[in-house]
C-alpha atoms as a PDB file:
ATOM      1  CA  MET A   1     119.503 -48.875 190.152  1.00  0.00           C
ATOM      2  CA  VAL A   2     122.108 -47.383 192.473  1.00  0.00           C
ATOM      3  CA  ASP A   3     123.810 -49.124 195.388  1.00  0.00           C
ATOM      4  CA  PHE A   4     123.877 -48.023 199.010  1.00  0.00           C
ATOM      5  CA  PRO A   5     127.126 -46.102 199.548  1.00  0.00           C
ATOM      6  CA  THR A   6     130.198 -47.789 200.981  1.00  0.00           C
ATOM      7  CA  LEU A   7     131.283 -46.116 204.204  1.00  0.00           C
ATOM      8  CA  SER A   8     134.954 -45.394 204.894  1.00  0.00           C
ATOM      9  CA  ARG A   9     135.165 -47.839 207.808  1.00  0.00           C
ATOM     10  CA  GLY A  10     133.136 -50.530 209.504  1.00  0.00           C
ATOM     11  CA  VAL A  11     130.581 -49.304 212.008  1.00  0.00           C
ATOM     12  CA  CYS A  12     128.721 -50.993 214.851  1.00  0.00           C
ATOM     13  CA  ILE A  13     125.203 -52.107 213.916  1.00  0.00           C
ATOM     14  CA  ALA A  14     124.055 -53.391 217.318  1.00  0.00           C
ATOM     15  CA  GLY A  15     120.263 -53.247 217.409  1.00  0.00           C
ATOM     16  CA  TYR A  16     119.732 -54.242 213.741  1.00  0.00           C
ATOM     17  CA  GLN A  17     116.134 -55.405 213.137  1.00  0.00           C
ATOM     18  CA  GLU A  18     114.109 -57.095 210.413  1.00  0.00           C
ATOM     19  CA  THR A  19     110.316 -56.991 210.551  1.00  0.00           C
ATOM     20  CA  LEU A  20     107.429 -56.943 208.109  1.00  0.00           C
ATOM     21  CA  ALA A  21     106.893 -53.532 206.500  1.00  0.00           C
ATOM     22  CA  ILE A  22     103.136 -53.896 206.961  1.00  0.00           C
ATOM     23  CA  ASP A  23     100.858 -56.440 208.575  1.00  0.00           C
ATOM     24  CA  PRO A  24      99.384 -58.245 205.545  1.00  0.00           C
ATOM     25  CA  THR A  25      96.340 -59.457 207.482  1.00  0.00           C
ATOM     26  CA  LEU A  26      92.898 -58.017 206.793  1.00  0.00           C
ATOM     27  CA  ARG A  27      90.695 -58.273 209.885  1.00  0.00           C
ATOM     28  CA  THR A  28      86.942 -57.882 209.995  1.00  0.00           C
ATOM     29  CA  VAL A  29      84.668 -58.172 213.008  1.00  0.00           C
ATOM     30  CA  PRO A  30      81.054 -58.806 211.913  1.00  0.00           C
ATOM     31  CA  GLU A  31      78.028 -58.305 214.149  1.00  0.00           C
ATOM     32  CA  ASP A  32      78.410 -61.712 215.830  1.00  0.00           C
ATOM     33  CA  GLY A  33      81.807 -60.590 217.187  1.00  0.00           C
ATOM     34  CA  LYS A  34      83.873 -63.452 215.726  1.00  0.00           C
ATOM     35  CA  MET A  35      86.943 -62.023 213.987  1.00  0.00           C
ATOM     36  CA  MET A  36      87.446 -63.025 210.373  1.00  0.00           C
ATOM     37  CA  THR A  37      90.877 -62.726 208.741  1.00  0.00           C
ATOM     38  CA  ARG A  38      92.478 -63.153 205.349  1.00  0.00           C
ATOM     39  CA  GLY A  39      95.777 -62.256 203.689  1.00  0.00           C
ATOM     40  CA  ARG A  40      96.068 -58.912 201.907  1.00  0.00           C
ATOM     41  CA  VAL A  41      99.038 -59.588 199.631  1.00  0.00           C
ATOM     42  CA  THR A  42     100.766 -62.640 198.250  1.00  0.00           C
ATOM     43  CA  SER A  43     104.236 -61.611 199.418  1.00  0.00           C
ATOM     44  CA  ALA A  44     105.075 -59.848 202.635  1.00  0.00           C
ATOM     45  CA  LYS A  45     107.725 -57.138 202.304  1.00  0.00           C
ATOM     46  CA  LYS A  46     110.464 -56.687 204.908  1.00  0.00           C
ATOM     47  CA  ARG A  47     111.445 -53.582 206.864  1.00  0.00           C
ATOM     48  CA  PHE A  48     115.111 -53.215 207.793  1.00  0.00           C
ATOM     49  CA  THR A  49     116.074 -50.972 210.710  1.00  0.00           C
ATOM     50  CA  VAL A  50     119.809 -50.370 210.659  1.00  0.00           C
ATOM     51  CA  PRO A  51     121.404 -48.351 213.466  1.00  0.00           C
ATOM     52  CA  LEU A  52     124.938 -47.215 212.642  1.00  0.00           C
ATOM     53  CA  SER A  53     127.213 -46.101 215.469  1.00  0.00           C
ATOM     54  CA  GLY A  54     130.492 -44.213 215.128  1.00  0.00           C
ATOM     55  CA  ILE A  55     130.110 -42.473 211.761  1.00  0.00           C
ATOM     56  CA  ASN A  56     132.633 -39.748 210.964  1.00  0.00           C
ATOM     57  CA  ASP A  57     131.728 -36.408 209.325  1.00  0.00           C
ATOM     58  CA  THR A  58     132.758 -37.647 205.874  1.00  0.00           C
ATOM     59  CA  ASP A  59     130.454 -40.688 206.050  1.00  0.00           C
ATOM     60  CA  LYS A  60     127.627 -38.533 207.432  1.00  0.00           C
ATOM     61  CA  ALA A  61     127.986 -36.191 204.454  1.00  0.00           C
ATOM     62  CA  LEU A  62     128.049 -39.209 202.104  1.00  0.00           C
ATOM     63  CA  LEU A  63     124.810 -40.557 203.615  1.00  0.00           C
ATOM     64  CA  GLU A  64     123.145 -37.135 203.443  1.00  0.00           C
ATOM     65  CA  GLU A  65     124.147 -36.728 199.792  1.00  0.00           C
ATOM     66  CA  PHE A  66     122.812 -40.209 199.004  1.00  0.00           C
ATOM     67  CA  GLU A  67     119.556 -39.586 200.891  1.00  0.00           C
ATOM     68  CA  ILE A  68     118.778 -36.145 199.451  1.00  0.00           C
ATOM     69  CA  ASN A  69     120.265 -36.077 195.945  1.00  0.00           C
ATOM     70  CA  THR A  70     120.512 -39.723 194.887  1.00  0.00           C
ATOM     71  CA  VAL A  71     117.362 -41.442 196.177  1.00  0.00           C
ATOM     72  CA  ASN A  72     115.271 -38.340 197.016  1.00  0.00           C
ATOM     73  CA  VAL A  73     114.589 -39.754 200.496  1.00  0.00           C
ATOM     74  CA  GLY A  74     111.993 -42.471 199.716  1.00  0.00           C
ATOM     75  CA  ALA A  75     111.288 -41.698 196.050  1.00  0.00           C
ATOM     76  CA  GLU A  76     113.920 -43.944 194.445  1.00  0.00           C
ATOM     77  CA  THR A  77     114.787 -47.608 194.896  1.00  0.00           C
ATOM     78  CA  PHE A  78     118.360 -48.708 195.631  1.00  0.00           C
ATOM     79  CA  ASN A  79     120.304 -51.914 196.295  1.00  0.00           C
ATOM     80  CA  TRP A  80     121.230 -52.632 199.895  1.00  0.00           C
ATOM     81  CA  THR A  81     123.313 -55.674 200.869  1.00  0.00           C
ATOM     82  CA  ARG A  82     122.808 -57.382 204.211  1.00  0.00           C
ATOM     83  CA  HIS A  83     125.971 -59.008 205.560  1.00  0.00           C
ATOM     84  CA  LYS A  84     125.141 -61.748 208.062  1.00  0.00           C
ATOM     85  CA  GLN A  85     127.577 -64.411 209.250  1.00  0.00           C
ATOM     86  CA  GLY A  86     129.570 -64.298 206.027  1.00  0.00           C
ATOM     87  CA  VAL A  87     126.495 -64.474 203.777  1.00  0.00           C
ATOM     88  CA  GLU A  88     125.557 -61.504 201.612  1.00  0.00           C
ATOM     89  CA  VAL A  89     121.985 -60.978 200.378  1.00  0.00           C
ATOM     90  CA  THR A  90     121.039 -57.944 198.281  1.00  0.00           C
ATOM     91  CA  PHE A  91     117.584 -56.381 198.498  1.00  0.00           C
ATOM     92  CA  ALA A  92     115.907 -53.661 196.420  1.00  0.00           C
ATOM     93  CA  VAL A  93     114.739 -51.136 199.030  1.00  0.00           C
ATOM     94  CA  ARG A  94     113.516 -47.569 199.584  1.00  0.00           C
ATOM     95  CA  LEU A  95     114.061 -45.343 202.576  1.00  0.00           C
ATOM     96  CA  ALA A  96     110.919 -45.652 204.710  1.00  0.00           C
ATOM     97  CA  GLU A  97     111.695 -42.369 206.466  1.00  0.00           C
ATOM     98  CA  PRO A  98     114.451 -39.750 206.475  1.00  0.00           C
ATOM     99  CA  ILE A  99     117.766 -40.872 207.997  1.00  0.00           C
ATOM    100  CA  THR A 100     118.121 -39.702 211.602  1.00  0.00           C
ATOM    101  CA  PHE A 101     121.518 -38.456 212.811  1.00  0.00           C
ATOM    102  CA  GLN A 102     122.595 -37.679 216.362  1.00  0.00           C
ATOM    103  CA  LEU A 103     125.919 -37.096 218.042  1.00  0.00           C
ATOM    104  CA  ASN A 104     127.554 -40.237 219.437  1.00  0.00           C
ATOM    105  CA  SER A 105     127.238 -40.251 223.236  1.00  0.00           C
ATOM    106  CA  ASP A 106     130.710 -41.786 223.771  1.00  0.00           C
ATOM    107  CA  ASP A 107     132.572 -39.632 221.254  1.00  0.00           C
ATOM    108  CA  PRO A 108     130.933 -36.326 220.240  1.00  0.00           C
ATOM    109  CA  THR A 109     133.256 -36.068 217.208  1.00  0.00           C
ATOM    110  CA  LEU A 110     131.312 -39.001 215.677  1.00  0.00           C
ATOM    111  CA  TRP A 111     127.696 -39.533 214.673  1.00  0.00           C
ATOM    112  CA  ASP A 112     125.098 -42.261 215.107  1.00  0.00           C
ATOM    113  CA  ALA A 113     122.505 -42.808 212.392  1.00  0.00           C
ATOM    114  CA  MET A 114     119.230 -44.719 212.116  1.00  0.00           C
ATOM    115  CA  ILE A 115     118.311 -45.965 208.647  1.00  0.00           C
ATOM    116  CA  VAL A 116     114.881 -47.510 208.072  1.00  0.00           C
ATOM    117  CA  MET A 117     114.298 -49.181 204.698  1.00  0.00           C
ATOM    118  CA  ASP A 118     111.352 -51.068 203.200  1.00  0.00           C
ATOM    119  CA  GLU A 119     111.805 -53.833 200.661  1.00  0.00           C
ATOM    120  CA  ASP A 120     110.501 -52.749 197.261  1.00  0.00           C
END
């Protein structure tokens, strides 16, 4: 399994989010109107939303190459490491959607990217 590419410099990830990839609750409302629920799966998978701000053209090209030719957007699994307060945890993930790029509003020579990944 391949690893998420290492970018040439640190980027701002303000707005990082972790949620469940899907709601694992099955809900049924029978004729009496009282909702019945039960769990769908034994383990809930996470969704990671990672906004990257201030990416240069080289890193943008690296991410595009990784997305298109290495992991075929969401077809292949890869290792992604979350760095949080000095603790590193690696997850096997897939891209949940294509990476979105837009010009950085403060510096139009740089890019911002939004990467959404689901735990495999």
